[in-house]
């Protein structure tokens, strides 16, 4: 019976967890919140893995909330693409929850429930089958992120949050305009319905539909930090507490996911006059994003800002794979998306450990007192750096090799190879310099007595272990990603009779 309801569990678990963590008796002590938060995060990961396995066996699962059938009700769609993202988010949440349980949750109130509400918004965006609910879940994750960004207070966080909130409110307004245009031209916001109607849209509405699609490109570009809408990211991510920044690593990927869902599926090859409408824009914007990320990487002054700028570099690489729009590019993009999210989250957490032990210098690239655990933190930094650069034997090497191979197969190697390889070189230069400064340029003062908490090390260890596991199971992961890419290329089909029985409904 519970298997029948698996598609809704990734939403119900964080929703219930967030409410319970705000109410007595869990809200009265941090210890209870920590234990409950870890239990709920673990349950969420198990639900995501269970859903992934079920989708692998049965294909796409469709769940109609409240027995309202499409196109009228809230539709949850669990396909291979969604389950990859759900599993990644749940694993990241578990690591962040564990890291936060050390001492970050003492710097302000409501960290644990906010993490749950953030996960609710992110997972809802991955599961929804219509664009209006995509907007709703965007707002849920954004509202939680506004509060998470200023967790612990401080002028720097407040200033970064003001920019972040202002830009995202503007993005939400544009999203609403786009939804109005889309509903006016298509008569529906159900993704599968829109895909079926795209090729047969009234000729008088084509220009209007194109303007709506381009507005959505702007919105998703803002969410994914695509050039020139990227400037909010470095300041926001660098100002956020370490576990919050680690969870934010998945947020830009929501924008990439939405581009795949909307511009590669609804406005894909079969969309008539609307086919691949974003492609001519994606190519130059992706290259500009990569170039901007590389330059910003070379100018970074702290480890957190360096990592944030490497997020922009990874987004530029992923946008190139979206623009390439082949099964091979989508497969490699999915593998690299998972790797880059884990690697950047790992570096943000390592930066948090370094900040705790380095005193007032925090993670700035200046001479300062040595950390209390130079060998341990040095090894963790080295592993995270290898992952971000994309060097063997860490999974980043496979991810970049797959992307280069996809570019070669499509005949676009001359456009993609140079920026991708230069970005790796820039990351190698800056991470080498930063590692030398952080660990070798000590002033000779007595080292800090603050050491890393076991819960923090456990969280970091989970991420470190995940990266070589992605190498060991690269074949399985790539095969699953390839099936997800083939599903995307085949188009959305969940407006047809449901592929799984809906409780109380009449699905096939």
Protein backbone atom coordinates (compact mmCIF):
# COMPACT_ATOMS: atom_id res chain seq x y z
CA UNK A 1 0.00 0.00 0.00
CA UNK A 2 2.80 2.42 0.92
CA UNK A 3 4.47 1.80 -2.46
CA UNK A 4 1.35 3.22 -4.09
CA UNK A 5 1.89 6.50 -2.27
CA UNK A 6 5.68 6.72 -2.77
CA UNK A 7 5.46 9.70 -5.19
CA UNK A 8 3.91 11.91 -2.52
CA UNK A 9 6.23 10.90 0.34
CA UNK A 10 9.09 13.25 -0.72
CA UNK A 11 6.63 16.10 -0.12
CA UNK A 12 4.76 14.79 2.91
CA UNK A 13 7.85 13.91 4.95
CA UNK A 14 9.51 17.38 4.89
CA UNK A 15 6.13 19.10 5.28
CA UNK A 16 5.20 17.09 8.37
CA UNK A 17 8.77 17.30 9.68
CA UNK A 18 8.87 21.08 9.30
CA UNK A 19 5.57 21.51 11.18
CA UNK A 20 6.52 19.09 13.97
CA UNK A 21 9.92 20.76 14.42
CA UNK A 22 8.14 24.07 15.00
CA UNK A 23 5.81 22.66 17.66
CA UNK A 24 6.38 21.31 21.18
CA UNK A 25 7.92 19.05 22.31
CA UNK A 26 10.45 19.05 19.44
CA UNK A 27 10.72 22.84 19.33
CA UNK A 28 11.67 23.17 23.00
CA UNK A 29 15.22 21.77 22.81
CA UNK A 30 17.88 21.70 20.14
CA UNK A 31 18.81 18.13 21.03
CA UNK A 32 15.32 16.88 20.11
CA UNK A 33 15.35 18.93 16.93
CA UNK A 34 18.69 17.44 15.93
CA UNK A 35 17.60 13.84 16.46
CA UNK A 36 14.19 14.38 14.82
CA UNK A 37 15.77 16.27 11.92
CA UNK A 38 18.19 13.43 11.25
CA UNK A 39 15.43 10.81 11.45
CA UNK A 40 13.21 12.74 9.03
CA UNK A 41 16.13 13.36 6.65
CA UNK A 42 16.97 9.65 6.68
CA UNK A 43 13.31 8.74 6.03
CA UNK A 44 13.30 11.19 3.15
CA UNK A 45 16.40 9.61 1.62
CA UNK A 46 14.88 6.13 1.95
CA UNK A 47 11.66 7.32 0.30
CA UNK A 48 13.63 8.88 -2.58
CA UNK A 49 15.69 5.72 -3.11
CA UNK A 50 12.54 3.59 -2.95
CA UNK A 51 10.87 5.81 -5.54
CA UNK A 52 13.95 5.63 -7.78
CA UNK A 53 13.95 1.83 -7.65
CA UNK A 54 10.21 1.66 -8.33
CA UNK A 55 10.49 4.00 -11.33
CA UNK A 56 13.36 1.90 -12.66
CA UNK A 57 11.10 -1.18 -12.56
CA UNK A 58 7.75 0.30 -13.60
CA UNK A 59 8.59 3.44 -15.56
CA UNK A 60 7.11 6.88 -14.93
CA UNK A 61 4.69 7.09 -11.99
CA UNK A 62 1.92 9.65 -11.92
CA UNK A 63 0.11 10.61 -8.72
CA UNK A 64 -3.02 12.77 -8.77
CA UNK A 65 -3.40 14.64 -5.51
CA UNK A 66 -6.92 14.42 -4.07
CA UNK A 67 -7.97 12.12 -6.93
CA UNK A 68 -8.26 15.12 -9.27
CA UNK A 69 -7.25 13.85 -12.70
CA UNK A 70 -5.18 15.92 -15.19
CA UNK A 71 -5.39 18.60 -16.41
CA UNK A 72 -7.36 19.96 -13.43
CA UNK A 73 -5.68 18.59 -10.30
CA UNK A 74 -2.23 18.78 -8.80
CA UNK A 75 -0.21 16.17 -10.60
CA UNK A 76 3.02 14.67 -9.28
CA UNK A 77 5.20 13.00 -11.87
CA UNK A 78 8.03 10.73 -10.80
CA UNK A 79 10.16 9.80 -13.80
CA UNK A 80 13.85 8.96 -14.01
CA UNK A 81 14.94 12.60 -14.22
CA UNK A 82 12.87 13.59 -11.18
CA UNK A 83 14.02 10.62 -9.08
CA UNK A 84 17.69 11.38 -9.74
CA UNK A 85 17.15 14.92 -8.48
CA UNK A 86 15.06 13.76 -5.51
CA UNK A 87 17.70 11.26 -4.37
CA UNK A 88 20.44 13.87 -4.74
CA UNK A 89 18.45 16.45 -2.73
CA UNK A 90 17.61 13.97 0.03
CA UNK A 91 21.22 12.85 0.39
CA UNK A 92 22.38 16.45 0.52
CA UNK A 93 19.75 17.27 3.14
CA UNK A 94 20.95 14.39 5.33
CA UNK A 95 24.56 15.64 5.17
CA UNK A 96 23.53 19.24 5.87
CA UNK A 97 21.27 18.20 8.74
CA UNK A 98 24.13 16.22 10.25
CA UNK A 99 26.62 19.08 9.86
CA UNK A 100 24.17 21.59 11.34
CA UNK A 101 23.68 19.42 14.41
CA UNK A 102 27.21 20.26 15.61
CA UNK A 103 26.83 23.95 16.43
CA UNK A 104 25.46 25.90 13.46
CA UNK A 105 21.92 25.51 14.78
CA UNK A 106 22.92 27.48 17.89
CA UNK A 107 23.52 30.67 15.91
CA UNK A 108 19.83 31.33 15.29
CA UNK A 109 16.38 29.88 15.56
CA UNK A 110 14.49 27.50 13.34
CA UNK A 111 17.41 26.16 11.27
CA UNK A 112 16.13 22.58 11.26
CA UNK A 113 12.50 23.32 10.27
CA UNK A 114 13.71 25.79 7.62
CA UNK A 115 15.94 23.11 6.09
CA UNK A 116 12.87 20.86 5.86
CA UNK A 117 10.73 23.56 4.19
CA UNK A 118 13.58 24.27 1.79
CA UNK A 119 13.70 20.57 0.89
CA UNK A 120 9.90 20.61 0.45
CA UNK A 121 10.14 23.41 -2.13
CA UNK A 122 13.04 21.83 -4.02
CA UNK A 123 11.50 18.36 -4.15
CA UNK A 124 8.11 19.76 -5.13
CA UNK A 125 9.72 21.57 -8.07
CA UNK A 126 11.24 18.27 -9.22
CA UNK A 127 7.98 16.34 -8.86
CA UNK A 128 5.33 18.69 -10.22
CA UNK A 129 3.69 17.99 -13.57
CA UNK A 130 2.46 21.51 -14.33
CA UNK A 131 4.12 24.87 -14.58
CA UNK A 132 1.85 26.67 -12.13
CA UNK A 133 2.84 24.34 -9.30
CA UNK A 134 6.44 24.73 -10.43
CA UNK A 135 5.95 28.42 -9.62
CA UNK A 136 4.36 27.56 -6.26
CA UNK A 137 7.22 25.29 -5.22
CA UNK A 138 9.75 27.87 -6.43
CA UNK A 139 8.17 30.30 -3.98
CA UNK A 140 8.24 27.75 -1.14
CA UNK A 141 11.95 27.09 -1.59
CA UNK A 142 12.71 30.80 -2.00
CA UNK A 143 10.85 31.86 1.15
CA UNK A 144 12.75 29.24 3.16
CA UNK A 145 16.03 30.32 1.55
CA UNK A 146 15.42 33.99 2.48
CA UNK A 147 15.30 33.00 6.15
CA UNK A 148 18.18 30.52 5.88
CA UNK A 149 20.48 33.08 4.29
CA UNK A 150 20.29 35.42 7.29
CA UNK A 151 20.56 32.58 9.82
CA UNK A 152 22.87 33.82 12.57
CA UNK A 153 22.44 37.50 11.59
CA UNK A 154 25.13 39.99 10.57
CA UNK A 155 25.37 42.98 8.22
CA UNK A 156 26.99 41.00 5.41
CA UNK A 157 24.21 38.40 5.40
CA UNK A 158 21.51 41.06 5.57
CA UNK A 159 22.95 42.99 2.61
CA UNK A 160 23.36 39.83 0.55
CA UNK A 161 19.81 38.81 1.45
CA UNK A 162 18.37 42.16 0.33
CA UNK A 163 19.86 41.72 -3.14
CA UNK A 164 18.80 38.09 -3.23
CA UNK A 165 15.21 38.83 -2.18
CA UNK A 166 14.83 41.79 -4.56
CA UNK A 167 16.06 39.85 -7.58
CA UNK A 168 13.97 36.82 -6.81
CA UNK A 169 10.83 38.90 -6.29
CA UNK A 170 11.42 40.39 -9.73
CA UNK A 171 11.91 36.85 -11.06
CA UNK A 172 8.65 35.73 -9.45
CA UNK A 173 6.77 38.62 -11.07
CA UNK A 174 8.17 37.68 -14.49
CA UNK A 175 7.24 34.06 -13.83
CA UNK A 176 3.61 35.09 -13.18
CA UNK A 177 3.51 37.15 -16.39
CA UNK A 178 4.87 34.16 -18.30
CA UNK A 179 2.26 31.85 -16.75
CA UNK A 180 -0.52 34.24 -17.79
CA UNK A 181 0.76 34.34 -21.35
CA UNK A 182 1.15 30.57 -21.48
CA UNK A 183 -2.34 29.92 -20.15
CA UNK A 184 -3.78 32.46 -22.57
CA UNK A 185 -2.15 30.81 -25.59
CA UNK A 186 -2.18 27.12 -24.63
CA UNK A 187 -5.32 27.00 -22.47
CA UNK A 188 -3.48 24.81 -19.95
CA UNK A 189 -0.38 24.76 -17.77
CA UNK A 190 -0.10 20.97 -17.62
CA UNK A 191 3.32 20.21 -19.12
CA UNK A 192 2.17 17.20 -21.14
CA UNK A 193 -0.86 19.07 -22.49
CA UNK A 194 1.33 21.99 -23.44
CA UNK A 195 3.73 19.72 -25.28
CA UNK A 196 0.90 18.14 -27.27
CA UNK A 197 -0.59 21.53 -28.18
CA UNK A 198 2.69 23.29 -28.97
CA UNK A 199 2.87 22.05 -32.57
CA UNK A 200 -0.78 22.93 -33.25
CA UNK A 201 -0.99 26.33 -31.63
CA UNK A 202 -3.05 28.99 -33.39
CA UNK A 203 -0.73 30.89 -35.81
CA UNK A 204 -2.01 34.16 -34.36
CA UNK A 205 -0.74 33.10 -30.92
CA UNK A 206 2.74 31.97 -31.98
CA UNK A 207 4.49 35.28 -31.24
CA UNK A 208 2.73 35.55 -27.90
CA UNK A 209 3.75 31.99 -27.01
CA UNK A 210 7.32 32.75 -28.02
CA UNK A 211 7.39 35.77 -25.72
CA UNK A 212 6.09 33.59 -22.86
CA UNK A 213 8.74 30.96 -23.53
CA UNK A 214 11.48 33.61 -23.54
CA UNK A 215 10.18 35.06 -20.27
CA UNK A 216 10.45 31.57 -18.78
CA UNK A 217 14.02 31.39 -20.08
CA UNK A 218 14.80 34.59 -18.18
CA UNK A 219 13.21 33.21 -15.01
CA UNK A 220 15.05 29.90 -15.19
CA UNK A 221 18.23 31.77 -16.12
CA UNK A 222 17.91 33.82 -12.94
CA UNK A 223 17.34 30.70 -10.83
CA UNK A 224 20.31 28.90 -12.38
CA UNK A 225 22.61 31.96 -12.23
CA UNK A 226 23.02 32.21 -15.98
CA UNK A 227 24.96 35.22 -17.29
CA UNK A 228 23.97 38.13 -16.99
CA UNK A 229 21.61 37.10 -14.17
CA UNK A 230 24.31 35.48 -12.08
CA UNK A 231 25.57 38.36 -9.95
CA UNK A 232 23.38 37.54 -6.94
CA UNK A 233 25.02 34.14 -6.43
CA UNK A 234 28.62 34.77 -5.28
CA UNK A 235 27.63 37.24 -2.57
CA UNK A 236 24.66 35.19 -1.35
CA UNK A 237 26.50 31.86 -1.25
CA UNK A 238 29.63 33.37 0.30
CA UNK A 239 27.58 35.04 3.05
CA UNK A 240 25.48 31.99 3.94
CA UNK A 241 26.46 29.66 6.81
CA UNK A 242 28.39 26.59 5.61
CA UNK A 243 25.53 24.03 5.80
CA UNK A 244 23.09 26.47 4.17
CA UNK A 245 25.54 27.18 1.33
CA UNK A 246 25.97 23.41 0.90
CA UNK A 247 22.20 22.94 0.53
CA UNK A 248 22.06 25.95 -1.82
CA UNK A 249 24.35 23.96 -4.15
CA UNK A 250 21.23 22.16 -5.41
CA UNK A 251 19.17 25.36 -5.88
CA UNK A 252 20.84 26.51 -9.10
CA UNK A 253 20.27 23.00 -10.45
CA UNK A 254 16.51 23.58 -10.10
CA UNK A 255 16.89 26.17 -12.86
CA UNK A 256 18.77 23.70 -15.08
CA UNK A 257 16.12 21.03 -14.36
CA UNK A 258 13.37 23.50 -15.36
CA UNK A 259 15.15 24.28 -18.63
CA UNK A 260 15.25 20.57 -19.43
CA UNK A 261 11.59 20.15 -18.50
CA UNK A 262 10.22 23.18 -20.31
CA UNK A 263 12.58 24.19 -23.10
CA UNK A 264 13.93 20.74 -24.01
CA UNK A 265 10.64 18.84 -23.62
CA UNK A 266 7.65 21.18 -24.15
CA UNK A 267 9.50 23.34 -26.68
CA UNK A 268 11.58 20.44 -28.00
CA UNK A 269 12.07 19.09 -31.53
CA UNK A 270 8.34 18.43 -32.13
CA UNK A 271 7.00 21.83 -31.06
CA UNK A 272 6.47 23.16 -34.60
CA UNK A 273 7.23 26.87 -34.85
CA UNK A 274 8.14 26.90 -31.16
CA UNK A 275 10.72 24.10 -31.53
CA UNK A 276 14.01 24.70 -29.70
CA UNK A 277 13.16 28.37 -29.26
CA UNK A 278 15.75 28.88 -26.53
CA UNK A 279 18.64 27.14 -28.28
CA UNK A 280 20.05 30.17 -30.18
CA UNK A 281 20.16 32.09 -26.90
CA UNK A 282 21.51 29.28 -24.77
CA UNK A 283 24.75 28.87 -26.73
CA UNK A 284 26.16 32.39 -26.26
CA UNK A 285 24.74 32.70 -22.73
CA UNK A 286 26.32 29.40 -21.69
CA UNK A 287 29.71 30.43 -23.08
CA UNK A 288 29.45 33.84 -21.41
CA UNK A 289 28.49 32.20 -18.12
CA UNK A 290 31.54 29.96 -18.31
CA UNK A 291 33.83 32.86 -19.20
CA UNK A 292 32.44 34.99 -16.38
CA UNK A 293 32.79 32.14 -13.91
CA UNK A 294 36.42 31.56 -14.94
CA UNK A 295 37.34 35.25 -14.53
CA UNK A 296 35.53 35.49 -11.19
CA UNK A 297 37.26 32.31 -10.03
CA UNK A 298 40.68 33.84 -10.70
CA UNK A 299 39.70 36.98 -8.73
CA UNK A 300 38.25 35.18 -5.68
CA UNK A 301 39.52 36.30 -2.28
CA UNK A 302 37.92 33.71 0.02
CA UNK A 303 37.35 29.98 -0.20
CA UNK A 304 33.57 30.44 -0.07
CA UNK A 305 33.54 32.99 -2.90
CA UNK A 306 35.89 30.76 -4.91
CA UNK A 307 33.50 27.84 -4.44
CA UNK A 308 30.52 30.03 -5.33
CA UNK A 309 32.24 31.14 -8.53
CA UNK A 310 32.99 27.51 -9.36
CA UNK A 311 29.23 26.93 -9.06
CA UNK A 312 28.82 29.48 -11.89
CA UNK A 313 31.45 27.60 -13.90
CA UNK A 314 29.53 24.35 -13.43
CA UNK A 315 26.30 26.08 -14.46
CA UNK A 316 27.98 27.31 -17.65
CA UNK A 317 29.10 23.75 -18.44
CA UNK A 318 25.60 22.40 -17.80
CA UNK A 319 24.01 25.10 -19.95
CA UNK A 320 26.26 24.00 -22.81
CA UNK A 321 24.90 20.47 -22.42
CA UNK A 322 21.31 21.80 -22.40
CA UNK A 323 22.05 23.82 -25.55
CA UNK A 324 23.62 20.79 -27.25
CA UNK A 325 20.30 18.99 -26.71
CA UNK A 326 21.29 15.42 -27.58
CA UNK A 327 20.81 12.24 -25.59
CA UNK A 328 24.57 12.04 -25.00
CA UNK A 329 24.80 15.63 -23.80
CA UNK A 330 21.83 15.23 -21.47
CA UNK A 331 23.29 11.99 -20.08
CA UNK A 332 26.67 13.58 -19.41
CA UNK A 333 24.97 16.71 -18.06
CA UNK A 334 22.98 14.67 -15.55
CA UNK A 335 26.09 12.82 -14.34
CA UNK A 336 28.04 16.08 -14.05
CA UNK A 337 25.12 17.79 -12.30
CA UNK A 338 25.11 15.17 -9.55
CA UNK A 339 28.90 15.31 -9.21
CA UNK A 340 29.19 19.12 -9.20
CA UNK A 341 26.42 19.45 -6.59
CA UNK A 342 28.14 16.99 -4.23
CA UNK A 343 31.61 18.49 -4.85
CA UNK A 344 30.57 22.10 -4.22
CA UNK A 345 28.58 21.10 -1.14
CA UNK A 346 31.67 19.29 0.14
CA UNK A 347 33.89 22.35 -0.39
CA UNK A 348 31.39 24.64 1.35
CA UNK A 349 31.38 22.33 4.38
CA UNK A 350 35.20 22.10 4.37
CA UNK A 351 35.27 25.91 4.24
CA UNK A 352 33.05 25.91 7.32
CA UNK A 353 35.53 23.67 9.17
CA UNK A 354 38.45 25.92 8.18
CA UNK A 355 36.60 29.08 9.27
CA UNK A 356 35.96 27.59 12.71
CA UNK A 357 39.69 26.99 13.26
CA UNK A 358 41.29 29.97 11.53
CA UNK A 359 40.09 32.81 13.76
CA UNK A 360 39.37 36.28 12.36
CA UNK A 361 41.01 35.50 9.04
CA UNK A 362 38.22 32.96 8.42
CA UNK A 363 38.67 31.60 4.87
CA UNK A 364 40.33 34.67 3.36
CA UNK A 365 43.45 34.00 1.30
CA UNK A 366 45.78 35.82 3.69
CA UNK A 367 48.48 34.77 6.10
CA UNK A 368 46.93 33.76 9.42
CA UNK A 369 47.31 31.37 12.31
CA UNK A 370 47.37 27.69 11.48
CA UNK A 371 44.32 25.50 11.88
CA UNK A 372 44.20 22.98 14.73
CA UNK A 373 43.82 19.97 12.43
CA UNK A 374 46.00 20.81 9.39
CA UNK A 375 46.47 17.22 8.23
CA UNK A 376 42.79 16.27 8.42
CA UNK A 377 41.46 19.49 6.90
CA UNK A 378 44.26 19.49 4.33
CA UNK A 379 43.27 16.02 3.10
CA UNK A 380 39.59 16.97 2.97
CA UNK A 381 40.44 20.17 1.09
CA UNK A 382 42.66 18.24 -1.33
CA UNK A 383 39.91 15.71 -2.11
CA UNK A 384 37.30 18.44 -2.60
CA UNK A 385 39.71 20.37 -4.83
CA UNK A 386 40.38 17.28 -6.98
CA UNK A 387 36.63 16.86 -7.38
CA UNK A 388 36.04 20.49 -8.36
CA UNK A 389 38.95 20.55 -10.83
CA UNK A 390 37.79 17.31 -12.41
CA UNK A 391 40.93 15.26 -11.92
CA UNK A 392 41.08 11.47 -11.60
CA UNK A 393 40.26 9.38 -9.66
CA UNK A 394 37.32 11.53 -8.48
CA UNK A 395 34.03 11.53 -10.37
CA UNK A 396 34.52 15.02 -11.83
CA UNK A 397 36.97 13.53 -14.31
CA UNK A 398 34.31 11.14 -15.63
CA UNK A 399 31.71 13.91 -15.74
CA UNK A 400 33.92 16.22 -17.78
CA UNK A 401 35.11 13.37 -20.01
CA UNK A 402 31.48 12.48 -20.78
CA UNK A 403 30.69 16.10 -21.64
CA UNK A 404 33.72 16.38 -23.93
CA UNK A 405 32.76 13.10 -25.59
CA UNK A 406 29.18 14.36 -26.15
CA UNK A 407 30.55 17.56 -27.69
CA UNK A 408 32.84 15.55 -30.00
CA UNK A 409 29.98 13.28 -31.09
CA UNK A 410 27.80 16.28 -31.99
CA UNK A 411 30.56 18.06 -33.91
CA UNK A 412 30.67 20.98 -31.47
CA UNK A 413 34.00 20.14 -29.83
CA UNK A 414 35.63 23.36 -31.01
CA UNK A 415 33.05 25.40 -29.06
CA UNK A 416 32.91 23.29 -25.92
CA UNK A 417 36.34 21.77 -25.31
CA UNK A 418 38.34 25.03 -24.90
CA UNK A 419 36.10 26.69 -22.25
CA UNK A 420 35.61 23.46 -20.31
CA UNK A 421 39.36 22.72 -20.24
CA UNK A 422 40.26 26.33 -19.43
CA UNK A 423 37.79 26.28 -16.53
CA UNK A 424 39.56 23.20 -15.14
CA UNK A 425 42.91 24.98 -15.48
CA UNK A 426 41.57 28.08 -13.69
CA UNK A 427 40.18 25.90 -10.90
CA UNK A 428 43.54 24.08 -10.62
CA UNK A 429 45.46 27.38 -10.35
CA UNK A 430 43.17 28.99 -7.79
CA UNK A 431 42.63 25.91 -5.62
CA UNK A 432 46.40 25.27 -5.57
CA UNK A 433 47.07 28.86 -4.52
CA UNK A 434 44.29 28.88 -1.95
CA UNK A 435 45.37 25.56 -0.45
CA UNK A 436 48.95 26.82 -0.12
CA UNK A 437 47.78 29.99 1.61
CA UNK A 438 45.26 28.35 3.92
CA UNK A 439 47.51 25.53 5.14
CA UNK A 440 51.14 26.56 4.62
CA UNK A 441 51.28 30.33 5.12
CA UNK A 442 50.83 30.26 8.90
CA UNK A 443 52.16 33.14 10.96
CA UNK A 444 53.63 30.94 13.64
CA UNK A 445 51.09 31.84 16.28
CA UNK A 446 49.68 29.05 18.37
CA UNK A 447 47.12 27.05 16.49
CA UNK A 448 43.46 27.28 17.36
CA UNK A 449 42.23 24.83 19.99
CA UNK A 450 38.90 24.50 18.26
CA UNK A 451 38.57 21.16 16.53
CA UNK A 452 35.92 19.79 14.21
CA UNK A 453 32.85 18.20 15.77
CA UNK A 454 32.34 14.46 15.02
CA UNK A 455 28.94 15.24 13.46
CA UNK A 456 30.60 17.72 11.08
CA UNK A 457 33.25 15.18 10.11
CA UNK A 458 30.57 12.52 9.60
CA UNK A 459 28.68 14.82 7.23
CA UNK A 460 31.82 15.66 5.27
CA UNK A 461 32.82 11.97 5.18
CA UNK A 462 29.46 11.04 3.62
CA UNK A 463 30.09 13.49 0.79
CA UNK A 464 33.70 12.35 0.39
CA UNK A 465 32.59 8.71 0.15
CA UNK A 466 29.86 9.57 -2.37
CA UNK A 467 32.38 10.88 -4.93
CA UNK A 468 34.45 7.67 -5.39
CA UNK A 469 31.19 5.69 -5.26
CA UNK A 470 30.10 7.69 -8.32
CA UNK A 471 33.26 6.37 -10.02
CA UNK A 472 32.71 2.77 -8.93
CA UNK A 473 29.07 2.82 -10.05
CA UNK A 474 29.66 5.14 -13.00
CA UNK A 475 28.30 2.54 -15.43
CA UNK A 476 25.05 2.09 -13.53
CA UNK A 477 24.58 5.83 -12.97
CA UNK A 478 25.32 6.65 -16.60
CA UNK A 479 22.93 3.97 -17.81
CA UNK A 480 20.14 5.34 -15.62
CA UNK A 481 20.94 8.91 -16.74
CA UNK A 482 20.83 7.77 -20.37
CA UNK A 483 17.37 6.28 -19.86
CA UNK A 484 16.29 9.55 -18.25
CA UNK A 485 17.66 11.45 -21.26
CA UNK A 486 15.81 9.12 -23.65
CA UNK A 487 12.59 9.69 -21.70
CA UNK A 488 13.07 13.44 -22.01
CA UNK A 489 13.73 13.17 -25.74
CA UNK A 490 10.65 10.95 -26.19
CA UNK A 491 8.54 13.68 -24.62
CA UNK A 492 6.08 13.97 -21.80
CA UNK A 493 3.29 11.44 -21.84
CA UNK A 494 1.64 11.72 -18.45
CA UNK A 495 -1.49 13.43 -19.82
CA UNK A 496 -2.35 10.02 -21.22
CA UNK A 497 -4.01 7.38 -18.99
CA UNK A 498 -2.01 7.14 -15.82
CA UNK A 499 0.77 4.60 -15.76
CA UNK A 500 0.08 3.66 -12.19
CA UNK A 501 -3.07 3.38 -10.14
CA UNK A 502 -3.94 6.52 -8.28
CA UNK A 503 -5.52 5.92 -4.84
CA UNK A 504 -9.25 6.23 -5.29
CA UNK A 505 -8.76 7.14 -8.94
CA UNK A 506 -9.13 5.16 -12.13
CA UNK A 507 -5.62 5.13 -13.48
CA UNK A 508 -4.64 2.34 -15.80
